[in-house]
Amino acid sequence: MIYNTGETSEELKANYNPEGSVLRQAQCRMLDMLLYLDNVCREQHITYMLSDGNVLGALRHQGFIPWDDDVDVYVERKDWKRLVHYLKHHPHHQFVIQDHDTDPHYYGSWVILRDLHSEYVIDSELHNIRKFKGLQIDIFPIERGCNMFLHRLARAFTWWNNRRNGVSHPLLASFFYYFQFDFLYPVFRVMSRLFSRRRYYMHSYGAYWIHRIPVEQCFPPKLVMFEGHMLPCPAKPEEYLHNIFGEYMDLPPKNERCTHQAHYKIW
């Protein structure tokens, strides 16, 4: 395939993730993690779907975006809680769930499936004090009816707690974490039922990202080819991607092709 920049699929692979490169090894490890997660979801009858850049990669590259180094998935919140419970109580020998219970220095509103045989090497105090630092799959809860104003308020609160307290005041950060998720966001959900429409899915309260996804774009998931495997993505992936990325089949300029700016250790 020839892209808008004149580059071909073969050139992109040669320049970013050739076979045997560290990035390609990282992508293959994350694919192993994704297939494990896919198998768990099938066995437990839990619906999940690829999201964001992985949907883009599936449609544009039939797999990872060549310079990408993570995996993101959506799970409806009611199933997300059940999935997290199952993964924590049926541990894998190599992959582990990271949340505030398993890693007291993690304060996110989503959970991360981490690989224990690898490490992101990043110049970040918040990252480096965490217990688990391996390659990751972000497992995001999504739900209907979130209020946009409350979502922005929750995002600001999460960002403030992570940046202000996460490194220097961990006990305070933990207090505010439980205040958010045990009290504040349940109140937000009650308020949302009164004042918000349920036509859209959004990340659950506390996430940094604010995407409003029409219900009909999400469910039921559609299978797409991703690295040689048929995996679920949103029901209308083209519309979903256009809402987030615009002309998603066009490659961005080379100086905008960003990863996490990390190095990797893989064993």
Protein backbone atom coordinates (compact mmCIF):
# COMPACT_ATOMS: atom_id res chain seq x y z
CA MET A 1 0.00 0.00 0.00
CA ILE A 2 1.14 3.55 -0.77
CA TYR A 3 0.14 6.20 1.75
CA ASN A 4 -0.49 9.93 1.36
CA THR A 5 3.16 10.67 2.17
CA GLY A 6 4.37 8.43 -0.67
CA GLU A 7 5.64 5.83 1.82
CA THR A 8 4.77 2.17 1.43
CA SER A 9 3.89 -0.38 4.10
CA GLU A 10 7.25 -2.05 3.53
CA GLU A 11 9.13 1.22 4.02
CA LEU A 12 7.27 1.97 7.25
CA LYS A 13 8.10 -1.45 8.65
CA ALA A 14 11.75 -1.13 7.65
CA ASN A 15 12.02 2.33 9.23
CA TYR A 16 10.10 1.77 12.47
CA ASN A 17 9.50 -1.83 13.51
CA PRO A 18 11.50 -4.32 11.41
CA GLU A 19 11.47 -7.92 12.56
CA GLY A 20 13.94 -8.39 15.39
CA SER A 21 13.95 -4.74 16.45
CA VAL A 22 13.29 -3.91 20.10
CA LEU A 23 10.04 -2.13 19.20
CA ARG A 24 8.84 -5.13 17.19
CA GLN A 25 9.70 -7.44 20.09
CA ALA A 26 7.67 -5.17 22.37
CA GLN A 27 4.73 -5.23 19.96
CA CYS A 28 4.85 -9.04 19.77
CA ARG A 29 4.88 -9.29 23.57
CA MET A 30 1.87 -6.98 23.78
CA LEU A 31 0.12 -9.10 21.15
CA ASP A 32 0.66 -12.13 23.41
CA MET A 33 -0.91 -10.16 26.26
CA LEU A 34 -3.83 -9.11 24.06
CA LEU A 35 -4.51 -12.68 22.96
CA TYR A 36 -4.47 -13.76 26.61
CA LEU A 37 -6.97 -11.02 27.45
CA ASP A 38 -9.10 -11.97 24.45
CA ASN A 39 -9.19 -15.59 25.61
CA VAL A 40 -10.19 -14.59 29.16
CA CYS A 41 -12.98 -12.36 27.85
CA ARG A 42 -14.30 -15.12 25.62
CA GLU A 43 -14.28 -17.65 28.46
CA GLN A 44 -15.99 -15.23 30.87
CA HIS A 45 -18.46 -13.88 28.28
CA ILE A 46 -17.16 -10.35 28.67
CA THR A 47 -17.40 -7.95 25.75
CA TYR A 48 -14.33 -5.83 25.08
CA MET A 49 -13.00 -3.98 22.06
CA LEU A 50 -9.82 -2.41 20.78
CA SER A 51 -9.80 1.37 21.02
CA ASP A 52 -8.09 4.50 19.75
CA GLY A 53 -4.76 3.91 18.00
CA ASN A 54 -5.19 0.15 17.89
CA VAL A 55 -8.41 0.51 15.87
CA LEU A 56 -6.54 2.94 13.64
CA GLY A 57 -3.69 0.44 13.30
CA ALA A 58 -6.11 -2.37 12.46
CA LEU A 59 -7.80 -0.47 9.63
CA ARG A 60 -4.74 1.30 8.26
CA HIS A 61 -1.97 -1.25 8.90
CA GLN A 62 -3.84 -4.47 9.80
CA GLY A 63 -1.97 -4.44 13.11
CA PHE A 64 0.08 -2.05 15.20
CA ILE A 65 0.79 1.41 13.91
CA PRO A 66 4.47 0.87 13.04
CA TRP A 67 5.74 3.32 15.68
CA ASP A 68 3.19 2.48 18.40
CA ASP A 69 4.12 0.88 21.72
CA ASP A 70 0.96 0.22 23.69
CA VAL A 71 -2.49 -1.38 23.55
CA ASP A 72 -5.78 0.17 24.68
CA VAL A 73 -9.11 -1.60 25.07
CA TYR A 74 -12.61 -0.59 26.14
CA VAL A 75 -14.86 -2.62 28.43
CA GLU A 76 -18.31 -1.49 29.56
CA ARG A 77 -18.03 -0.53 33.22
CA LYS A 78 -20.32 -3.23 34.59
CA ASP A 79 -18.27 -5.90 32.80
CA TRP A 80 -14.99 -4.09 33.53
CA LYS A 81 -15.43 -4.60 37.27
CA ARG A 82 -16.09 -8.30 36.72
CA LEU A 83 -13.07 -8.63 34.40
CA VAL A 84 -10.75 -6.92 36.89
CA HIS A 85 -12.00 -9.16 39.69
CA TYR A 86 -11.40 -12.27 37.59
CA LEU A 87 -7.89 -11.25 36.48
CA LYS A 88 -6.83 -10.43 40.05
CA HIS A 89 -8.18 -13.69 41.46
CA HIS A 90 -6.88 -15.90 38.64
CA PRO A 91 -3.33 -14.60 38.29
CA HIS A 92 -1.22 -15.33 35.24
CA HIS A 93 2.40 -16.42 35.70
CA GLN A 94 3.70 -13.49 33.60
CA PHE A 95 0.99 -10.83 33.45
CA VAL A 96 -0.39 -8.87 36.40
CA ILE A 97 -3.18 -6.37 36.97
CA GLN A 98 -2.00 -2.96 38.17
CA ASP A 99 -4.42 -0.82 40.16
CA HIS A 100 -4.22 0.96 43.49
CA ASP A 101 -4.76 -2.30 45.38
CA THR A 102 -1.85 -4.14 43.75
CA ASP A 103 0.39 -1.07 43.42
CA PRO A 104 -0.14 1.67 46.04
CA HIS A 105 1.63 4.22 43.82
CA TYR A 106 -0.90 3.84 40.99
CA TYR A 107 -3.87 6.24 41.11
CA GLY A 108 -5.53 5.80 37.72
CA SER A 109 -9.23 5.36 37.00
CA TRP A 110 -8.49 2.40 34.72
CA VAL A 111 -6.41 -0.73 35.27
CA ILE A 112 -3.31 -1.85 33.43
CA LEU A 113 -2.34 -5.36 32.47
CA ARG A 114 1.45 -5.42 32.90
CA ASP A 115 4.08 -7.81 31.62
CA LEU A 116 6.50 -8.96 34.34
CA HIS A 117 9.27 -9.84 31.87
CA SER A 118 9.81 -6.37 30.43
CA GLU A 119 10.13 -2.74 31.45
CA TYR A 120 9.41 0.69 30.05
CA VAL A 121 12.44 2.86 30.79
CA ILE A 122 11.06 6.40 31.09
CA ASP A 123 12.40 9.56 32.70
CA SER A 124 9.35 10.01 34.95
CA GLU A 125 9.30 10.03 38.75
CA LEU A 126 5.66 8.96 38.83
CA HIS A 127 6.40 5.97 36.58
CA ASN A 128 9.58 4.96 38.34
CA ILE A 129 8.09 4.73 41.85
CA ARG A 130 5.43 2.29 40.68
CA LYS A 131 5.71 -1.39 41.48
CA PHE A 132 5.01 -2.64 37.95
CA LYS A 133 6.65 -0.98 34.95
CA GLY A 134 6.41 -3.59 32.20
CA LEU A 135 4.80 -3.44 28.78
CA GLN A 136 1.13 -2.71 29.12
CA ILE A 137 -2.45 -3.00 28.02
CA ASP A 138 -4.66 -0.19 29.31
CA ILE A 139 -8.11 -1.57 30.15
CA PHE A 140 -10.50 1.39 30.15
CA PRO A 141 -14.03 1.28 31.59
CA ILE A 142 -16.58 3.12 29.48
CA GLU A 143 -20.14 4.03 30.41
CA ARG A 144 -23.18 5.82 29.11
CA GLY A 145 -24.57 9.08 30.39
CA CYS A 146 -21.48 10.84 31.76
CA ASN A 147 -21.90 14.60 32.03
CA MET A 148 -19.30 16.59 30.09
CA PHE A 149 -18.80 19.26 32.78
CA LEU A 150 -18.45 16.65 35.54
CA HIS A 151 -16.09 14.64 33.34
CA ARG A 152 -13.79 17.63 32.91
CA LEU A 153 -13.93 18.30 36.64
CA ALA A 154 -13.06 14.66 37.43
CA ARG A 155 -10.18 14.75 34.95
CA ALA A 156 -8.75 17.87 36.58
CA PHE A 157 -9.04 16.28 40.01
CA THR A 158 -7.23 13.11 38.88
CA TRP A 159 -4.49 15.08 37.15
CA TRP A 160 -4.00 17.29 40.22
CA ASN A 161 -3.81 14.33 42.60
CA ASN A 162 -1.29 12.47 40.43
CA ARG A 163 0.96 15.46 39.78
CA ARG A 164 0.65 17.24 43.12
CA ASN A 165 0.64 14.29 45.51
CA GLY A 166 1.59 11.12 43.61
CA VAL A 167 5.35 11.34 44.21
CA SER A 168 5.83 13.59 47.24
CA HIS A 169 2.70 12.84 49.31
CA PRO A 170 1.62 9.23 48.65
CA LEU A 171 -0.59 8.93 51.74
CA LEU A 172 -2.45 12.08 50.76
CA ALA A 173 -2.68 10.84 47.17
CA SER A 174 -4.17 7.56 48.41
CA PHE A 175 -6.71 9.42 50.56
CA PHE A 176 -7.84 11.52 47.60
CA TYR A 177 -7.92 8.41 45.37
CA TYR A 178 -10.43 6.69 47.65
CA PHE A 179 -12.37 9.96 48.06
CA GLN A 180 -12.68 10.18 44.29
CA PHE A 181 -13.72 6.64 43.51
CA ASP A 182 -15.67 5.72 46.65
CA PHE A 183 -17.57 8.99 47.13
CA LEU A 184 -17.15 11.73 44.53
CA TYR A 185 -17.67 9.79 41.29
CA PRO A 186 -20.66 7.80 42.60
CA VAL A 187 -22.24 11.19 43.36
CA PHE A 188 -21.35 12.33 39.84
CA ARG A 189 -23.12 9.26 38.43
CA VAL A 190 -26.29 10.02 40.34
CA MET A 191 -26.21 13.61 39.07
CA SER A 192 -25.55 12.38 35.53
CA ARG A 193 -28.67 10.24 35.55
CA LEU A 194 -30.69 13.37 36.23
CA PHE A 195 -29.08 15.76 33.77
CA SER A 196 -27.32 13.80 31.00
CA ARG A 197 -28.46 11.95 27.92
CA ARG A 198 -27.49 8.32 27.47
CA ARG A 199 -26.78 8.55 23.74
CA TYR A 200 -23.00 8.42 24.19
CA TYR A 201 -20.33 6.27 25.74
CA MET A 202 -17.40 7.98 27.42
CA HIS A 203 -14.43 6.97 29.53
CA SER A 204 -15.54 6.57 33.14
CA TYR A 205 -15.03 9.51 35.47
CA GLY A 206 -11.41 10.20 36.34
CA ALA A 207 -9.88 9.39 32.94
CA TYR A 208 -7.80 11.99 31.10
CA TRP A 209 -9.54 11.44 27.75
CA ILE A 210 -12.89 12.89 26.80
CA HIS A 211 -14.29 11.12 23.74
CA ARG A 212 -18.03 11.05 23.21
CA ILE A 213 -18.85 7.93 21.22
CA PRO A 214 -22.41 7.44 19.95
CA VAL A 215 -23.89 4.21 21.28
CA GLU A 216 -24.47 2.87 17.78
CA GLN A 217 -20.76 3.25 16.96
CA CYS A 218 -19.78 0.97 19.86
CA PHE A 219 -22.03 -2.06 20.05
CA PRO A 220 -22.16 -4.76 18.95
CA PRO A 221 -18.37 -4.96 18.32
CA LYS A 222 -17.10 -5.76 14.84
CA LEU A 223 -14.21 -8.13 14.17
CA VAL A 224 -11.19 -6.71 12.37
CA MET A 225 -7.82 -8.14 11.38
CA PHE A 226 -5.09 -7.22 13.84
CA GLU A 227 -1.66 -8.83 13.47
CA GLY A 228 -3.15 -11.91 11.85
CA HIS A 229 -5.97 -12.34 14.38
CA MET A 230 -9.64 -11.36 14.19
CA LEU A 231 -10.27 -9.13 17.21
CA PRO A 232 -13.21 -6.94 18.24
CA CYS A 233 -13.35 -3.20 17.64
CA PRO A 234 -16.22 -0.67 17.75
CA ALA A 235 -19.26 -1.52 15.65
CA LYS A 236 -18.65 1.29 13.14
CA PRO A 237 -14.86 1.66 13.17
CA GLU A 238 -14.66 4.08 10.25
CA GLU A 239 -17.09 6.54 11.89
CA TYR A 240 -15.41 6.05 15.27
CA LEU A 241 -11.96 6.84 13.85
CA HIS A 242 -13.18 9.79 11.84
CA ASN A 243 -14.64 11.33 15.01
CA ILE A 244 -11.30 11.00 16.84
CA PHE A 245 -8.64 11.39 14.14
CA GLY A 246 -10.33 12.99 11.14
CA GLU A 247 -8.76 11.66 7.91
CA TYR A 248 -7.47 8.59 9.69
CA MET A 249 -6.08 6.81 6.61
CA ASP A 250 -3.56 9.63 6.08
CA LEU A 251 -0.20 9.25 7.77
CA PRO A 252 0.83 12.12 10.06
CA PRO A 253 4.06 14.04 9.37
CA LYS A 254 7.18 12.23 10.56
CA ASN A 255 7.75 14.69 13.41
CA GLU A 256 4.27 13.87 14.80
CA ARG A 257 4.70 10.09 14.90
CA CYS A 258 4.97 9.74 18.63
CA THR A 259 5.41 6.80 20.95
CA HIS A 260 5.71 7.05 24.74
CA GLN A 261 9.31 8.16 24.16
CA ALA A 262 10.43 5.10 26.12
CA HIS A 263 13.17 2.56 25.87
CA TYR A 264 12.37 -1.06 26.57
CA LYS A 265 13.97 -3.92 28.42
CA ILE A 266 12.56 -7.28 27.37
CA TRP A 267 13.52 -10.68 28.68
